[in-house]
Amino acid sequence: MKKLITNLTRTDVSPLILRLKGEKQAFTFEDIEKESGIKLTSADKFLIRSVAEKKFKMQVVCEAPENQLKFFPKAKELS
């Protein structure tokens, strides 16, 4: 069986994050794989994490039982 290997670009990642951010409070790489229909490579996951943190100002938390990264919107800091 042949594997489909992809390397997403920033222009591919931004709409995916926006869509999932609007639908869910928090999402994981599995949610992104389901939404895009492709298996993510390590490079794809690194890009997604970078874009989520830098462009969308999201917080990345490691969930202990599943050992899965979850992306949350950062809580607005009180002034």
PDB file of N, CA and C in Angstrom:
ATOM      1  N   MET A   1       0.841  -1.173   0.000  1.00  0.00           N
ATOM      2  CA  MET A   1       0.000   0.000   0.000  1.00  0.00           C
ATOM      3  C   MET A   1       0.891   1.244   0.000  1.00  0.00           C
ATOM      4  N   LYS A   2       0.573   2.180  -0.857  1.00  0.00           N
ATOM      5  CA  LYS A   2       1.366   3.390  -1.005  1.00  0.00           C
ATOM      6  C   LYS A   2       0.861   4.460  -0.038  1.00  0.00           C
ATOM      7  N   LYS A   3       1.785   5.107   0.676  1.00  0.00           N
ATOM      8  CA  LYS A   3       1.411   6.170   1.603  1.00  0.00           C
ATOM      9  C   LYS A   3       1.452   7.507   0.883  1.00  0.00           C
ATOM     10  N   LEU A   4       0.490   8.337   1.193  1.00  0.00           N
ATOM     11  CA  LEU A   4       0.478   9.686   0.655  1.00  0.00           C
ATOM     12  C   LEU A   4       1.278  10.569   1.604  1.00  0.00           C
ATOM     13  N   ILE A   5       2.378  11.099   1.132  1.00  0.00           N
ATOM     14  CA  ILE A   5       3.225  11.948   1.964  1.00  0.00           C
ATOM     15  C   ILE A   5       2.992  13.390   1.540  1.00  0.00           C
ATOM     16  N   THR A   6       2.678  14.215   2.510  1.00  0.00           N
ATOM     17  CA  THR A   6       2.418  15.616   2.208  1.00  0.00           C
ATOM     18  C   THR A   6       3.279  16.504   3.069  1.00  0.00           C
ATOM     19  N   ASN A   7       3.519  17.648   2.588  1.00  0.00           N
ATOM     20  CA  ASN A   7       4.110  18.721   3.370  1.00  0.00           C
ATOM     21  C   ASN A   7       3.234  19.937   3.116  1.00  0.00           C
ATOM     22  N   LEU A   8       2.462  20.281   4.119  1.00  0.00           N
ATOM     23  CA  LEU A   8       1.542  21.400   4.000  1.00  0.00           C
ATOM     24  C   LEU A   8       2.307  22.718   3.981  1.00  0.00           C
ATOM     25  N   THR A   9       1.656  23.748   3.483  1.00  0.00           N
ATOM     26  CA  THR A   9       2.225  25.091   3.501  1.00  0.00           C
ATOM     27  C   THR A   9       1.402  25.953   4.450  1.00  0.00           C
ATOM     28  N   ARG A  10       1.905  27.143   4.731  1.00  0.00           N
ATOM     29  CA  ARG A  10       1.160  28.059   5.606  1.00  0.00           C
ATOM     30  C   ARG A  10      -0.219  28.374   5.031  1.00  0.00           C
ATOM     31  N   THR A  11      -0.303  28.484   3.713  1.00  0.00           N
ATOM     32  CA  THR A  11      -1.596  28.791   3.094  1.00  0.00           C
ATOM     33  C   THR A  11      -2.569  27.623   3.209  1.00  0.00           C
ATOM     34  N   ASP A  12      -2.066  26.400   3.360  1.00  0.00           N
ATOM     35  CA  ASP A  12      -2.936  25.246   3.580  1.00  0.00           C
ATOM     36  C   ASP A  12      -3.391  25.174   5.033  1.00  0.00           C
ATOM     37  N   VAL A  13      -2.504  25.534   5.938  1.00  0.00           N
ATOM     38  CA  VAL A  13      -2.740  25.357   7.371  1.00  0.00           C
ATOM     39  C   VAL A  13      -3.697  26.405   7.937  1.00  0.00           C
ATOM     40  N   SER A  14      -3.553  27.651   7.533  1.00  0.00           N
ATOM     41  CA  SER A  14      -4.360  28.733   8.101  1.00  0.00           C
ATOM     42  C   SER A  14      -5.865  28.501   7.985  1.00  0.00           C
ATOM     43  N   PRO A  15      -6.395  28.143   6.807  1.00  0.00           N
ATOM     44  CA  PRO A  15      -7.840  27.897   6.723  1.00  0.00           C
ATOM     45  C   PRO A  15      -8.300  26.711   7.579  1.00  0.00           C
ATOM     46  N   LEU A  16      -7.464  25.677   7.685  1.00  0.00           N
ATOM     47  CA  LEU A  16      -7.814  24.528   8.528  1.00  0.00           C
ATOM     48  C   LEU A  16      -7.947  24.949   9.989  1.00  0.00           C
ATOM     49  N   ILE A  17      -6.983  25.726  10.460  1.00  0.00           N
ATOM     50  CA  ILE A  17      -7.020  26.180  11.849  1.00  0.00           C
ATOM     51  C   ILE A  17      -8.222  27.089  12.079  1.00  0.00           C
ATOM     52  N   LEU A  18      -8.475  28.007  11.152  1.00  0.00           N
ATOM     53  CA  LEU A  18      -9.626  28.905  11.288  1.00  0.00           C
ATOM     54  C   LEU A  18     -10.936  28.129  11.364  1.00  0.00           C
ATOM     55  N   ARG A  19     -11.091  27.136  10.502  1.00  0.00           N
ATOM     56  CA  ARG A  19     -12.307  26.329  10.477  1.00  0.00           C
ATOM     57  C   ARG A  19     -12.500  25.584  11.796  1.00  0.00           C
ATOM     58  N   LEU A  20     -11.438  24.922  12.262  1.00  0.00           N
ATOM     59  CA  LEU A  20     -11.532  24.155  13.503  1.00  0.00           C
ATOM     60  C   LEU A  20     -11.693  25.065  14.717  1.00  0.00           C
ATOM     61  N   LYS A  21     -11.050  26.210  14.690  1.00  0.00           N
ATOM     62  CA  LYS A  21     -11.159  27.167  15.791  1.00  0.00           C
ATOM     63  C   LYS A  21     -12.597  27.671  15.918  1.00  0.00           C
ATOM     64  N   GLY A  22     -13.277  27.827  14.787  1.00  0.00           N
ATOM     65  CA  GLY A  22     -14.668  28.266  14.802  1.00  0.00           C
ATOM     66  C   GLY A  22     -15.632  27.178  15.240  1.00  0.00           C
ATOM     67  N   GLU A  23     -15.300  25.920  14.936  1.00  0.00           N
ATOM     68  CA  GLU A  23     -16.185  24.801  15.257  1.00  0.00           C
ATOM     69  C   GLU A  23     -16.015  24.297  16.683  1.00  0.00           C
ATOM     70  N   LYS A  24     -14.789  24.297  17.185  1.00  0.00           N
ATOM     71  CA  LYS A  24     -14.492  23.680  18.476  1.00  0.00           C
ATOM     72  C   LYS A  24     -13.741  24.645  19.372  1.00  0.00           C
ATOM     73  N   GLN A  25     -13.861  24.411  20.676  1.00  0.00           N
ATOM     74  CA  GLN A  25     -13.093  25.225  21.619  1.00  0.00           C
ATOM     75  C   GLN A  25     -11.631  24.802  21.609  1.00  0.00           C
ATOM     76  N   ALA A  26     -11.393  23.495  21.492  1.00  0.00           N
ATOM     77  CA  ALA A  26     -10.028  22.960  21.437  1.00  0.00           C
ATOM     78  C   ALA A  26      -9.987  21.872  20.373  1.00  0.00           C
ATOM     79  N   PHE A  27      -8.827  21.712  19.736  1.00  0.00           N
ATOM     80  CA  PHE A  27      -8.698  20.666  18.722  1.00  0.00           C
ATOM     81  C   PHE A  27      -7.320  20.047  18.775  1.00  0.00           C
ATOM     82  N   THR A  28      -7.173  18.874  18.151  1.00  0.00           N
ATOM     83  CA  THR A  28      -5.920  18.119  18.157  1.00  0.00           C
ATOM     84  C   THR A  28      -5.468  17.872  16.718  1.00  0.00           C
ATOM     85  N   PHE A  29      -4.298  17.241  16.587  1.00  0.00           N
ATOM     86  CA  PHE A  29      -3.821  16.866  15.255  1.00  0.00           C
ATOM     87  C   PHE A  29      -4.773  15.871  14.594  1.00  0.00           C
ATOM     88  N   GLU A  30      -5.392  15.000  15.388  1.00  0.00           N
ATOM     89  CA  GLU A  30      -6.360  14.039  14.836  1.00  0.00           C
ATOM     90  C   GLU A  30      -7.532  14.770  14.190  1.00  0.00           C
ATOM     91  N   ASP A  31      -7.999  15.843  14.829  1.00  0.00           N
ATOM     92  CA  ASP A  31      -9.083  16.643  14.254  1.00  0.00           C
ATOM     93  C   ASP A  31      -8.658  17.259  12.923  1.00  0.00           C
ATOM     94  N   ILE A  32      -7.419  17.713  12.852  1.00  0.00           N
ATOM     95  CA  ILE A  32      -6.905  18.303  11.616  1.00  0.00           C
ATOM     96  C   ILE A  32      -6.804  17.238  10.526  1.00  0.00           C
ATOM     97  N   GLU A  33      -6.351  16.032  10.894  1.00  0.00           N
ATOM     98  CA  GLU A  33      -6.272  14.933   9.920  1.00  0.00           C
ATOM     99  C   GLU A  33      -7.656  14.586   9.380  1.00  0.00           C
ATOM    100  N   LYS A  34      -8.661  14.544  10.250  1.00  0.00           N
ATOM    101  CA  LYS A  34     -10.031  14.241   9.809  1.00  0.00           C
ATOM    102  C   LYS A  34     -10.559  15.334   8.893  1.00  0.00           C
ATOM    103  N   GLU A  35     -10.300  16.583   9.254  1.00  0.00           N
ATOM    104  CA  GLU A  35     -10.786  17.722   8.477  1.00  0.00           C
ATOM    105  C   GLU A  35     -10.136  17.787   7.097  1.00  0.00           C
ATOM    106  N   SER A  36      -8.826  17.538   7.043  1.00  0.00           N
ATOM    107  CA  SER A  36      -8.105  17.648   5.771  1.00  0.00           C
ATOM    108  C   SER A  36      -8.142  16.362   4.956  1.00  0.00           C
ATOM    109  N   GLY A  37      -8.333  15.231   5.629  1.00  0.00           N
ATOM    110  CA  GLY A  37      -8.376  13.951   4.929  1.00  0.00           C
ATOM    111  C   GLY A  37      -7.013  13.395   4.570  1.00  0.00           C
ATOM    112  N   ILE A  38      -5.956  13.914   5.195  1.00  0.00           N
ATOM    113  CA  ILE A  38      -4.603  13.417   4.920  1.00  0.00           C
ATOM    114  C   ILE A  38      -3.908  13.048   6.224  1.00  0.00           C
ATOM    115  N   LYS A  39      -2.934  12.158   6.126  1.00  0.00           N
ATOM    116  CA  LYS A  39      -2.104  11.776   7.272  1.00  0.00           C
ATOM    117  C   LYS A  39      -0.998  12.815   7.408  1.00  0.00           C
ATOM    118  N   LEU A  40      -0.877  13.404   8.589  1.00  0.00           N
ATOM    119  CA  LEU A  40       0.111  14.459   8.802  1.00  0.00           C
ATOM    120  C   LEU A  40       1.502  13.887   9.040  1.00  0.00           C
ATOM    121  N   THR A  41       2.487  14.529   8.447  1.00  0.00           N
ATOM    122  CA  THR A  41       3.884  14.161   8.692  1.00  0.00           C
ATOM    123  C   THR A  41       4.390  14.974   9.885  1.00  0.00           C
ATOM    124  N   SER A  42       5.571  14.658  10.354  1.00  0.00           N
ATOM    125  CA  SER A  42       6.172  15.420  11.458  1.00  0.00           C
ATOM    126  C   SER A  42       6.365  16.882  11.068  1.00  0.00           C
ATOM    127  N   ALA A  43       6.763  17.113   9.828  1.00  0.00           N
ATOM    128  CA  ALA A  43       6.950  18.489   9.345  1.00  0.00           C
ATOM    129  C   ALA A  43       5.621  19.243   9.332  1.00  0.00           C
ATOM    130  N   ASP A  44       4.538  18.554   8.932  1.00  0.00           N
ATOM    131  CA  ASP A  44       3.209  19.173   8.931  1.00  0.00           C
ATOM    132  C   ASP A  44       2.801  19.567  10.350  1.00  0.00           C
ATOM    133  N   LYS A  45       3.032  18.663  11.295  1.00  0.00           N
ATOM    134  CA  LYS A  45       2.660  18.926  12.690  1.00  0.00           C
ATOM    135  C   LYS A  45       3.454  20.100  13.258  1.00  0.00           C
ATOM    136  N   PHE A  46       4.734  20.170  12.914  1.00  0.00           N
ATOM    137  CA  PHE A  46       5.562  21.286  13.377  1.00  0.00           C
ATOM    138  C   PHE A  46       5.037  22.605  12.812  1.00  0.00           C
ATOM    139  N   LEU A  47       4.699  22.617  11.530  1.00  0.00           N
ATOM    140  CA  LEU A  47       4.177  23.824  10.893  1.00  0.00           C
ATOM    141  C   LEU A  47       2.851  24.237  11.525  1.00  0.00           C
ATOM    142  N   ILE A  48       1.962  23.276  11.749  1.00  0.00           N
ATOM    143  CA  ILE A  48       0.660  23.571  12.352  1.00  0.00           C
ATOM    144  C   ILE A  48       0.845  24.180  13.740  1.00  0.00           C
ATOM    145  N   ARG A  49       1.726  23.579  14.523  1.00  0.00           N
ATOM    146  CA  ARG A  49       1.969  24.096  15.872  1.00  0.00           C
ATOM    147  C   ARG A  49       2.539  25.513  15.814  1.00  0.00           C
ATOM    148  N   SER A  50       3.477  25.749  14.918  1.00  0.00           N
ATOM    149  CA  SER A  50       4.083  27.076  14.787  1.00  0.00           C
ATOM    150  C   SER A  50       3.056  28.124  14.381  1.00  0.00           C
ATOM    151  N   VAL A  51       2.246  27.807  13.386  1.00  0.00           N
ATOM    152  CA  VAL A  51       1.234  28.755  12.909  1.00  0.00           C
ATOM    153  C   VAL A  51       0.186  29.003  13.992  1.00  0.00           C
ATOM    154  N   ALA A  52      -0.243  27.951  14.677  1.00  0.00           N
ATOM    155  CA  ALA A  52      -1.251  28.100  15.733  1.00  0.00           C
ATOM    156  C   ALA A  52      -0.745  29.000  16.857  1.00  0.00           C
ATOM    157  N   GLU A  53       0.519  28.833  17.229  1.00  0.00           N
ATOM    158  CA  GLU A  53       1.080  29.634  18.323  1.00  0.00           C
ATOM    159  C   GLU A  53       1.383  31.068  17.903  1.00  0.00           C
ATOM    160  N   LYS A  54       1.977  31.242  16.737  1.00  0.00           N
ATOM    161  CA  LYS A  54       2.441  32.570  16.343  1.00  0.00           C
ATOM    162  C   LYS A  54       1.355  33.417  15.684  1.00  0.00           C
ATOM    163  N   LYS A  55       0.656  32.861  14.715  1.00  0.00           N
ATOM    164  CA  LYS A  55      -0.331  33.651  13.980  1.00  0.00           C
ATOM    165  C   LYS A  55      -1.655  33.760  14.725  1.00  0.00           C
ATOM    166  N   PHE A  56      -2.112  32.642  15.291  1.00  0.00           N
ATOM    167  CA  PHE A  56      -3.425  32.614  15.926  1.00  0.00           C
ATOM    168  C   PHE A  56      -3.358  32.770  17.446  1.00  0.00           C
ATOM    169  N   LYS A  57      -2.144  32.912  17.996  1.00  0.00           N
ATOM    170  CA  LYS A  57      -1.940  33.125  19.433  1.00  0.00           C
ATOM    171  C   LYS A  57      -2.657  32.073  20.278  1.00  0.00           C
ATOM    172  N   MET A  58      -2.529  30.819  19.874  1.00  0.00           N
ATOM    173  CA  MET A  58      -3.174  29.727  20.595  1.00  0.00           C
ATOM    174  C   MET A  58      -2.205  29.113  21.594  1.00  0.00           C
ATOM    175  N   GLN A  59      -2.770  28.536  22.630  1.00  0.00           N
ATOM    176  CA  GLN A  59      -1.989  27.850  23.650  1.00  0.00           C
ATOM    177  C   GLN A  59      -1.966  26.363  23.311  1.00  0.00           C
ATOM    178  N   VAL A  60      -0.793  25.743  23.420  1.00  0.00           N
ATOM    179  CA  VAL A  60      -0.649  24.315  23.137  1.00  0.00           C
ATOM    180  C   VAL A  60      -0.420  23.596  24.463  1.00  0.00           C
ATOM    181  N   VAL A  61      -1.285  22.611  24.738  1.00  0.00           N
ATOM    182  CA  VAL A  61      -1.223  21.872  25.996  1.00  0.00           C
ATOM    183  C   VAL A  61      -1.107  20.391  25.682  1.00  0.00           C
ATOM    184  N   CYS A  62      -0.240  19.700  26.413  1.00  0.00           N
ATOM    185  CA  CYS A  62      -0.098  18.253  26.237  1.00  0.00           C
ATOM    186  C   CYS A  62      -1.045  17.552  27.201  1.00  0.00           C
ATOM    187  N   GLU A  63      -1.989  16.803  26.661  1.00  0.00           N
ATOM    188  CA  GLU A  63      -2.930  16.040  27.482  1.00  0.00           C
ATOM    189  C   GLU A  63      -2.259  14.749  27.918  1.00  0.00           C
ATOM    190  N   ALA A  64      -2.168  14.519  29.206  1.00  0.00           N
ATOM    191  CA  ALA A  64      -1.409  13.390  29.760  1.00  0.00           C
ATOM    192  C   ALA A  64      -1.932  12.004  29.368  1.00  0.00           C
ATOM    193  N   PRO A  65      -3.215  11.688  29.543  1.00  0.00           N
ATOM    194  CA  PRO A  65      -3.629  10.300  29.267  1.00  0.00           C
ATOM    195  C   PRO A  65      -3.394   9.876  27.816  1.00  0.00           C
ATOM    196  N   GLU A  66      -3.708  10.746  26.879  1.00  0.00           N
ATOM    197  CA  GLU A  66      -3.560  10.395  25.464  1.00  0.00           C
ATOM    198  C   GLU A  66      -2.191  10.773  24.917  1.00  0.00           C
ATOM    199  N   ASN A  67      -1.433  11.593  25.671  1.00  0.00           N
ATOM    200  CA  ASN A  67      -0.149  12.107  25.195  1.00  0.00           C
ATOM    201  C   ASN A  67      -0.339  12.820  23.855  1.00  0.00           C
ATOM    202  N   GLN A  68      -1.381  13.621  23.785  1.00  0.00           N
ATOM    203  CA  GLN A  68      -1.775  14.307  22.558  1.00  0.00           C
ATOM    204  C   GLN A  68      -1.746  15.812  22.798  1.00  0.00           C
ATOM    205  N   LEU A  69      -1.240  16.568  21.840  1.00  0.00           N
ATOM    206  CA  LEU A  69      -1.254  18.022  21.952  1.00  0.00           C
ATOM    207  C   LEU A  69      -2.643  18.543  21.630  1.00  0.00           C
ATOM    208  N   LYS A  70      -3.106  19.506  22.434  1.00  0.00           N
ATOM    209  CA  LYS A  70      -4.383  20.165  22.184  1.00  0.00           C
ATOM    210  C   LYS A  70      -4.122  21.650  22.020  1.00  0.00           C
ATOM    211  N   PHE A  71      -4.845  22.249  21.101  1.00  0.00           N
ATOM    212  CA  PHE A  71      -4.715  23.671  20.820  1.00  0.00           C
ATOM    213  C   PHE A  71      -5.927  24.399  21.391  1.00  0.00           C
ATOM    214  N   PHE A  72      -5.666  25.399  22.249  1.00  0.00           N
ATOM    215  CA  PHE A  72      -6.710  26.201  22.874  1.00  0.00           C
ATOM    216  C   PHE A  72      -6.470  27.668  22.552  1.00  0.00           C
ATOM    217  N   PRO A  73      -7.547  28.452  22.445  1.00  0.00           N
ATOM    218  CA  PRO A  73      -7.337  29.898  22.356  1.00  0.00           C
ATOM    219  C   PRO A  73      -6.766  30.377  23.687  1.00  0.00           C
ATOM    220  N   LYS A  74      -5.820  31.292  23.649  1.00  0.00           N
ATOM    221  CA  LYS A  74      -5.236  31.804  24.896  1.00  0.00           C
ATOM    222  C   LYS A  74      -6.277  32.639  25.625  1.00  0.00           C
ATOM    223  N   ALA A  75      -6.312  32.466  26.937  1.00  0.00           N
ATOM    224  CA  ALA A  75      -7.212  33.279  27.753  1.00  0.00           C
ATOM    225  C   ALA A  75      -6.707  34.716  27.727  1.00  0.00           C
ATOM    226  N   LYS A  76      -7.624  35.641  27.566  1.00  0.00           N
ATOM    227  CA  LYS A  76      -7.223  37.050  27.540  1.00  0.00           C
ATOM    228  C   LYS A  76      -6.757  37.452  28.928  1.00  0.00           C
ATOM    229  N   GLU A  77      -5.595  38.068  28.958  1.00  0.00           N
ATOM    230  CA  GLU A  77      -5.018  38.472  30.238  1.00  0.00           C
ATOM    231  C   GLU A  77      -5.768  39.680  30.784  1.00  0.00           C
ATOM    232  N   LEU A  78      -6.002  39.646  32.070  1.00  0.00           N
ATOM    233  CA  LEU A  78      -6.705  40.754  32.714  1.00  0.00           C
ATOM    234  C   LEU A  78      -5.748  41.916  32.931  1.00  0.00           C
ATOM    235  N   SER A  79      -6.222  43.118  32.674  1.00  0.00           N
ATOM    236  CA  SER A  79      -5.371  44.309  32.835  1.00  0.00           C
ATOM    237  C   SER A  79      -5.474  44.849  34.235  1.00  0.00           C
TER     238      SER A  79
END
